[in-house]
Protein backbone atom coordinates (compact mmCIF):
# COMPACT_ATOMS: atom_id res chain seq x y z
CA MET A 1 -20.95 -1.74 -16.70
CA SER A 2 -17.90 0.52 -16.38
CA ASP A 3 -14.63 -0.29 -18.13
CA ALA A 4 -13.07 -1.08 -14.74
CA ALA A 5 -15.89 -3.43 -13.75
CA ALA A 6 -15.70 -5.14 -17.15
CA PHE A 7 -11.97 -5.70 -16.72
CA GLY A 8 -12.60 -7.15 -13.27
CA ALA A 9 -15.18 -9.53 -14.72
CA GLU A 10 -12.63 -10.64 -17.32
CA LEU A 11 -10.03 -11.33 -14.63
CA ILE A 12 -12.57 -13.42 -12.72
CA LYS A 13 -13.69 -15.30 -15.84
CA ALA A 14 -10.04 -16.07 -16.66
CA GLY A 15 -9.62 -17.49 -13.13
CA LEU A 16 -6.94 -14.95 -12.18
CA LEU A 17 -9.07 -13.35 -9.46
CA LEU A 18 -11.36 -15.42 -7.24
CA GLU A 19 -14.62 -13.76 -6.27
CA THR A 20 -15.55 -13.65 -2.57
CA GLY A 21 -18.81 -11.69 -2.76
CA VAL A 22 -17.27 -8.56 -1.21
CA PRO A 23 -16.24 -5.70 -3.54
CA GLY A 24 -12.49 -5.24 -3.56
CA LEU A 25 -11.80 -8.54 -1.78
CA TYR A 26 -10.48 -11.31 -4.04
CA GLY A 27 -8.52 -14.50 -3.96
CA ARG A 28 -5.60 -14.88 -6.34
CA SER A 29 -4.83 -17.81 -8.64
CA GLY A 30 -1.50 -19.60 -8.99
CA THR A 31 -0.84 -17.71 -12.23
CA PHE A 32 -1.54 -14.38 -10.55
CA GLU A 33 0.82 -15.28 -7.69
CA ALA A 34 3.56 -16.45 -10.05
CA VAL A 35 3.54 -13.02 -11.71
CA HIS A 36 3.44 -11.35 -8.29
CA ASP A 37 6.42 -13.36 -7.07
CA GLY A 38 8.38 -12.54 -10.22
CA LEU A 39 7.61 -8.86 -9.76
CA ASP A 40 8.56 -8.99 -6.09
CA ALA A 41 11.92 -10.62 -6.89
CA TRP A 42 12.60 -8.04 -9.62
CA ILE A 43 11.90 -5.17 -7.21
CA THR A 44 14.46 -6.71 -4.86
CA ARG A 45 17.02 -6.79 -7.68
CA ILE A 46 16.49 -3.19 -8.78
CA GLY A 47 16.67 -2.05 -5.15
CA VAL A 48 19.81 -3.95 -4.20
CA ALA A 49 21.94 -0.78 -4.31
CA GLU A 50 19.92 0.62 -1.40
CA ARG A 51 21.47 -2.00 0.91
CA ALA A 52 18.23 -1.86 2.85
CA GLU A 53 17.41 -3.68 6.05
CA ILE A 54 14.52 -6.08 5.37
CA MET A 55 11.35 -6.00 7.48
CA ARG A 56 8.11 -7.89 6.78
CA PHE A 57 4.91 -7.21 8.71
CA PRO A 58 1.56 -8.95 9.20
CA PRO A 59 -1.72 -7.38 8.02
CA ALA A 60 -2.42 -5.95 11.50
CA MET A 61 -0.56 -3.48 13.70
CA ASN A 62 -0.58 -2.11 17.24
CA ARG A 63 -3.73 0.02 17.75
CA LYS A 64 -2.00 2.50 20.10
CA ARG A 65 0.76 3.08 17.58
CA PHE A 66 -1.84 3.47 14.85
CA GLU A 67 -3.64 6.12 16.92
CA ALA A 68 -0.36 7.96 17.52
CA SER A 69 0.39 8.00 13.77
CA GLY A 70 -2.38 10.55 13.13
CA TYR A 71 -3.97 8.40 10.42
CA MET A 72 -7.47 8.97 11.79
CA ARG A 73 -7.08 12.73 11.42
CA GLY A 74 -6.53 12.43 7.69
CA PHE A 75 -8.16 9.19 6.55
CA PRO A 76 -10.87 7.95 8.95
CA GLN A 77 -12.93 6.76 5.98
CA LEU A 78 -10.24 4.24 5.00
CA ALA A 79 -9.36 2.74 8.39
CA GLY A 80 -10.18 -0.82 9.34
CA THR A 81 -10.40 -1.86 12.99
CA ILE A 82 -10.36 -5.36 14.46
CA HIS A 83 -13.11 -6.26 16.94
CA CYS A 84 -13.88 -9.48 18.78
CA PHE A 85 -16.43 -11.09 21.09
CA CYS A 86 -15.62 -10.48 24.75
CA GLY A 87 -18.92 -11.45 26.40
CA ASP A 88 -20.19 -14.20 28.69
CA GLU A 89 -22.42 -17.20 27.93
CA ARG A 90 -25.59 -15.12 28.06
CA GLU A 91 -24.20 -12.65 25.57
CA HIS A 92 -23.03 -15.53 23.42
CA ARG A 93 -26.56 -16.92 23.29
CA ALA A 94 -27.84 -13.48 22.32
CA LEU A 95 -25.23 -13.25 19.57
CA LEU A 96 -26.24 -16.65 18.14
CA ALA A 97 -29.89 -15.64 18.25
CA CYS A 98 -29.09 -12.54 16.20
CA ILE A 99 -27.27 -14.61 13.60
CA GLU A 100 -30.11 -17.14 13.39
CA THR A 101 -32.72 -14.42 12.87
CA GLY A 102 -30.63 -12.38 10.45
CA GLN A 103 -30.13 -9.46 12.84
CA ASP A 104 -26.95 -7.46 13.44
CA TRP A 105 -24.76 -9.58 15.72
CA THR A 106 -21.80 -7.14 15.82
CA ALA A 107 -23.16 -4.73 18.49
CA GLY A 108 -21.41 -6.63 21.29
CA GLN A 109 -18.03 -6.70 19.59
CA LYS A 110 -15.24 -4.71 21.23
CA ALA A 111 -12.09 -3.22 19.77
CA THR A 112 -8.93 -5.29 20.18
CA ASP A 113 -5.37 -4.04 20.56
CA ALA A 114 -4.84 -4.41 16.81
CA VAL A 115 -6.04 -2.59 13.69
CA LEU A 116 -5.59 -3.46 10.03
CA THR A 117 -2.40 -1.97 8.63
CA PRO A 118 -3.17 0.98 6.30
CA ALA A 119 0.30 1.29 4.72
CA ALA A 120 3.35 -0.95 4.86
CA CYS A 121 5.62 1.62 6.50
CA TYR A 122 3.37 2.47 9.47
CA PRO A 123 4.60 -0.31 11.83
CA LEU A 124 8.20 0.57 11.01
CA TYR A 125 8.73 3.98 12.60
CA PRO A 126 8.11 3.11 16.27
CA ILE A 127 10.45 0.13 15.94
CA LEU A 128 13.24 2.31 14.60
CA ALA A 129 12.59 4.99 17.23
CA ALA A 130 12.90 2.40 20.02
CA ARG A 131 16.46 1.67 18.89
CA GLY A 132 17.53 5.20 19.74
CA PRO A 133 19.18 7.79 17.48
CA LEU A 134 19.71 6.68 13.90
CA PRO A 135 23.24 5.73 12.84
CA PRO A 136 25.29 8.22 10.80
CA GLY A 137 23.84 8.26 7.31
CA GLY A 138 20.37 7.35 8.52
CA ALA A 139 18.60 4.13 7.57
CA THR A 140 16.94 2.51 4.57
CA ILE A 141 14.33 -0.20 5.07
CA ASP A 142 12.84 -2.66 2.58
CA VAL A 143 9.34 -3.27 3.95
CA MET A 144 6.31 -5.27 2.82
CA SER A 145 2.89 -5.83 4.36
CA TRP A 146 -0.66 -6.77 3.53
CA CYS A 147 -2.64 -3.54 3.85
CA TYR A 148 -6.32 -2.65 4.20
CA ARG A 149 -8.35 0.38 3.17
CA HIS A 150 -12.13 0.52 3.38
CA GLU A 151 -12.74 1.56 -0.20
CA PRO A 152 -15.19 -0.95 -1.75
CA SER A 153 -15.32 -0.61 -5.53
CA ASP A 154 -16.05 -2.58 -8.68
CA ASP A 155 -12.66 -1.43 -9.99
CA PRO A 156 -10.35 -4.45 -9.47
CA ALA A 157 -7.37 -2.12 -9.10
CA ARG A 158 -9.01 -0.50 -6.07
CA LEU A 159 -8.78 -3.33 -3.57
CA GLN A 160 -9.69 -3.33 0.09
CA SER A 161 -6.97 -5.88 0.91
CA PHE A 162 -3.68 -5.73 -0.98
CA ARG A 163 0.09 -5.99 -0.71
CA MET A 164 2.39 -2.99 -0.57
CA ARG A 165 6.16 -3.13 -1.01
CA GLU A 166 8.21 -0.09 -0.01
CA TYR A 167 11.71 1.22 0.28
CA VAL A 168 11.74 3.72 3.15
CA ARG A 169 14.51 6.27 3.70
CA ILE A 170 15.03 7.90 7.10
CA GLY A 171 17.66 10.58 7.63
CA ARG A 172 18.48 14.21 6.85
CA PRO A 173 16.13 16.11 4.52
CA GLU A 174 18.71 16.21 1.74
CA ASP A 175 19.31 12.44 2.01
CA VAL A 176 15.61 11.66 1.79
CA LEU A 177 15.03 14.01 -1.14
CA GLU A 178 18.03 12.57 -3.01
CA PHE A 179 16.66 9.05 -2.42
CA ARG A 180 13.24 10.00 -3.73
CA GLN A 181 14.66 11.75 -6.79
CA ARG A 182 16.72 8.69 -7.70
CA TRP A 183 13.58 6.57 -7.72
CA LEU A 184 11.63 9.21 -9.62
CA ASP A 185 14.36 9.17 -12.25
CA GLN A 186 13.95 5.38 -12.47
CA ALA A 187 10.17 5.55 -12.95
CA PRO A 188 10.25 5.61 -16.80
CA VAL A 189 12.79 2.76 -16.78
CA ILE A 190 10.52 0.71 -14.52
CA GLY A 191 7.55 1.23 -16.82
CA ALA A 192 9.62 0.35 -19.90
CA ALA A 193 11.09 -2.80 -18.31
CA LEU A 194 7.55 -4.05 -17.65
CA GLY A 195 6.36 -3.03 -21.12
CA LEU A 196 3.73 -0.73 -19.63
CA PRO A 197 2.62 2.77 -20.70
CA ALA A 198 3.46 4.87 -17.67
CA LEU A 199 3.35 8.53 -16.72
CA THR A 200 4.74 10.17 -13.60
CA ASP A 201 2.68 13.02 -12.17
CA LEU A 202 2.24 15.17 -9.09
CA ALA A 203 -0.41 13.78 -6.71
CA ASN A 204 -2.03 14.11 -3.30
CA ASP A 205 -3.51 11.77 -0.72
CA PRO A 206 -7.32 11.44 -0.27
CA PHE A 207 -7.60 13.55 2.88
CA PHE A 208 -11.00 13.53 4.58
CA GLY A 209 -13.40 16.36 5.36
CA ARG A 210 -13.62 20.08 4.73
CA THR A 211 -9.98 20.62 5.65
CA GLY A 212 -8.93 17.75 3.40
CA LYS A 213 -8.80 19.92 0.27
CA LEU A 214 -6.51 22.39 2.00
CA LYS A 215 -4.19 19.55 3.04
CA ALA A 216 -4.27 18.11 -0.47
CA ASP A 217 -3.54 21.50 -2.03
CA SER A 218 -0.64 22.06 0.36
CA GLN A 219 0.77 18.60 -0.38
CA ARG A 220 0.70 19.33 -4.11
CA GLU A 221 2.13 22.83 -3.74
CA GLN A 222 5.10 21.45 -1.79
CA GLY A 223 5.59 18.58 -4.25
CA LEU A 224 5.48 15.96 -1.51
CA LYS A 225 3.86 13.15 -3.51
CA PHE A 226 4.29 11.82 -7.04
CA GLU A 227 2.70 8.76 -8.62
CA LEU A 228 3.47 6.42 -11.50
CA LEU A 229 0.19 6.21 -13.42
CA ILE A 230 -0.67 3.23 -15.64
CA PRO A 231 -4.03 2.40 -17.27
CA VAL A 232 -5.43 -0.64 -15.45
CA GLY A 233 -9.18 -0.69 -14.93
CA SER A 234 -9.82 2.35 -17.12
CA ALA A 235 -7.92 3.69 -20.10
CA GLU A 236 -9.24 7.22 -19.49
CA LYS A 237 -8.29 7.37 -15.81
CA PRO A 238 -4.89 5.74 -15.17
CA THR A 239 -4.24 4.04 -11.83
CA ALA A 240 -1.49 4.98 -9.38
CA CYS A 241 0.73 1.88 -9.34
CA MET A 242 3.71 3.43 -7.55
CA SER A 243 4.09 6.42 -5.24
CA PHE A 244 7.10 8.56 -4.37
CA ASN A 245 6.58 10.34 -1.06
CA TYR A 246 8.40 12.85 1.10
CA HIS A 247 6.86 13.00 4.59
CA GLN A 248 9.17 15.77 5.84
CA ASP A 249 9.50 15.41 9.65
CA LEU A 250 5.93 14.12 10.19
CA PHE A 251 6.80 10.61 11.33
CA GLY A 252 10.05 11.76 12.88
CA THR A 253 8.11 14.08 15.17
CA LEU A 254 5.23 11.69 15.87
CA CYS A 255 7.44 8.70 16.63
CA GLY A 256 10.53 10.35 18.06
CA LEU A 257 12.96 9.47 15.26
CA THR A 258 16.21 11.36 15.82
CA LEU A 259 19.52 11.80 14.05
CA PRO A 260 22.89 11.40 15.83
CA ASP A 261 22.95 15.14 16.62
CA GLY A 262 19.51 14.93 18.29
CA SER A 263 17.58 16.65 15.50
CA THR A 264 14.36 15.16 14.14
CA ALA A 265 14.75 12.76 11.23
CA HIS A 266 12.87 13.19 7.96
CA THR A 267 11.35 10.26 6.09
CA GLY A 268 10.32 9.34 2.58
CA CYS A 269 9.35 6.23 0.68
CA VAL A 270 8.80 4.69 -2.71
CA GLY A 271 5.82 2.34 -2.71
CA PHE A 272 4.85 -0.41 -5.14
CA GLY A 273 1.18 -1.38 -5.39
CA MET A 274 1.81 -5.05 -6.07
CA GLU A 275 -1.64 -6.17 -7.19
CA ARG A 276 -2.09 -3.06 -9.31
CA LEU A 277 1.16 -3.70 -11.15
CA VAL A 278 0.26 -7.36 -11.70
CA MET A 279 -3.16 -6.36 -13.07
CA ALA A 280 -1.50 -3.76 -15.31
CA LEU A 281 0.66 -6.53 -16.76
CA PHE A 282 -2.43 -8.65 -17.46
CA ARG A 283 -4.26 -5.66 -18.92
CA HIS A 284 -1.52 -4.78 -21.40
CA HIS A 285 0.03 -8.16 -22.19
CA GLY A 286 -2.92 -10.56 -21.95
CA PHE A 287 -4.01 -13.20 -19.47
CA THR A 288 -1.42 -15.83 -20.46
CA PRO A 289 2.11 -14.94 -19.26
CA ALA A 290 3.65 -17.51 -21.62
CA THR A 291 2.63 -15.26 -24.54
CA TRP A 292 3.99 -12.04 -23.06
CA PRO A 293 6.91 -10.22 -24.73
CA ALA A 294 10.17 -12.06 -24.15
CA ALA A 295 11.78 -9.03 -22.52
CA VAL A 296 8.99 -8.75 -19.95
CA ARG A 297 9.09 -12.48 -19.20
CA ALA A 298 12.86 -12.22 -18.74
CA THR A 299 12.48 -9.25 -16.40
CA LEU A 300 10.06 -11.23 -14.22
CA SER A 301 11.89 -14.56 -14.63
CA LEU A 302 8.70 -16.18 -15.95
């Protein structure tokens, strides 16, 4: 058993994660959620200076908007679609017969108008674009969503269904880069406040296919993505628990986000992997929050 799988088994044995029989899909206990809620409230406090507009989204988003985002060009292996039964009574009987005999009953399912949200900020951009040009100074949004990525694993930090909290900055390139740098400068402070060993490093997204390496190399060369790495499932291979991203004008162009002068807006975000951070706290401080260092408990109001 790998170190990550062993840690997952410990979380389940302690009752913090609730096994569902699907890799990367877990329930959460009251203790787990109490830590999550404390973390969520702390993130709100450290982000108060952003004066961000708050938006909260469900775990599914508009399929047409998802298609327009270009996600399938870069990450088809991670996408999750939502299908449903659209047949008549005859097809329903056939479906039940398949279930009763252990055959595949999903062949008759058809795609709905929704897909599972891959990242918290994806539903945001079309909504902002529909408002018209951004106000002077751009916009900052505090966004949270349940997200899905088809990435089954025995590493508990690599979930298929998880929560992502983000601060998203939309505006001129210099405004977005200044926003990202401020959060990068805070990264060591965030790790220290949580009592976690953390390292910030250059990173890239897991682009798909033969052209994926070229995209990843370009992303790294331009310094578009950094991550806050903390040992969670494995001590040898730290887990990305936060990301600091500069999208350039990608979403501005795709979604029609414009500045007051008509030019295309740039975007960037800082993302918090909520479950990963909670698991990191359990990994480094133990499974009983009442015994955690006083400073960490104070930070999370536990």
